[in-house]
Amino acid sequence: MTSTVSRLDASALANSRGGPAIRHDWTSAEALALYELPLMDLLFRAQSVHRTSFDPNKVQMSRLLSIKTGGCAEDCGYCSQSAHHKTGLKASKLMEVERVISEAKKAKAAGATRYCMGAAWRSPKARDMDVVVAMVEGVKSLGMETCMTLGMLSDDDIVKLRDAGLDYYNHNVDTSEAYYDKIITTRTYADRLDTLARVRDAGMKVCSGGIVGMGEERQDRVDMLVTLANLEEHPESVPINMLIAIPGTPLENTKQIDPIDFVRTIAVARIMMPKSFVRLSAGRTEMSDEMQALCFFAGANSVFVGETLLTAENPGEDKDSTLFAKLGLSALEIDVAEPHGTELNSTVVQRDACQS
């Protein structure tokens, strides 16, 4: 491990003036060596990397809305919206465009700069795409960034979303490839990576992360991050979710992840993907103020605001405002005309079908 850490130190020093190197050749051994550093060393390194690209006291505010809830054909073990699980959640129809735009206006007024819309689908049906496109166009007209999570996409779906002006597509890898089939059997890891590649090729930005605390080992956590960091381009947003163990799902009795292990995951994500927004996503209702503060120090700089994430609870705006005031954090303003991952001087959910 010593030689691996030394190599990482040398790489960091060599790039200290121009910021950390953007790498796409991480090994599992390197990532695990980072994860297992003494916590103070890991946090110092992550915060140092964070400050090369971002204002450490600014946090991006996003809002997540479930535009179609329940009845999903996938069997994701964490998901309340899967038709395979008896969680008591009733399936709903696709939401009306006018209601989505109304909710987006409220989110913008509350300080959100990005609006994320999620549908519990394996993949969208052709008949629904015109409505989805109208949602994207309507939210874009408000001056907000747009993000969708709709499952797997056809080439035609991708073109329609791109032409509508969709900024981000969210499609999480969820966990490591080795652990994946213990959580999901109805879609392969390769399916997920294929969707991400085709979205990227079409010119849209990528939002992709995963869920920790599903019974995986630390090796699985770092291998998930290696998968993301070794993509041809890093995801512009990397949501890290803490499992919400939902009654009626196969993971309902899963032991909660140790808070320090969760913080370590955030820190390693920040170091490996230095210009990505690392989003502290699902599970914040179970996190103390102190745990969230450590996550922000470790490099998290994006959250979902509002009282719900699709079907899961989320801290309300009052709680977030109080916490941010304690920590001296404020909302990041983003010029939607600028690319993500901007430099410091720029203005800048568990998809419980998912944790996002």
Foldseek 3Di string as FASTA:
>chain_A
DVVLVVVVVVQCVVCVVVAGDQDQDDDLVNLVVLLPDDLVVLLVLLLSNQQFFADLQAFAEEAEAEQWAADECWQFQQFPRHPVWDQVDDTDDGHALVVLLVVLVVSVVLPHQEYEYEYRYLADDPVCLVRVLSNLLSSVVVQHAYEYEGHAYDLVSLLSCVVSPHAEYEQELAWAQVCVCVGTDPDHSVSSVVRVVSNVVSPHAYEYEHEPQQPDDLSGLSNSLSVQSNDPAHGQEYEYAYRDLRPRGNSNPGDGDDLSSSLSSLLSSCNSRVLHAYEDAYDVVVDDLVSVLSNSSSNHRYYYEAQDNHHHGDDHSVVVVVSSVVVSHDYQAARVVDDGSGGHPDRHAQCSSGGD
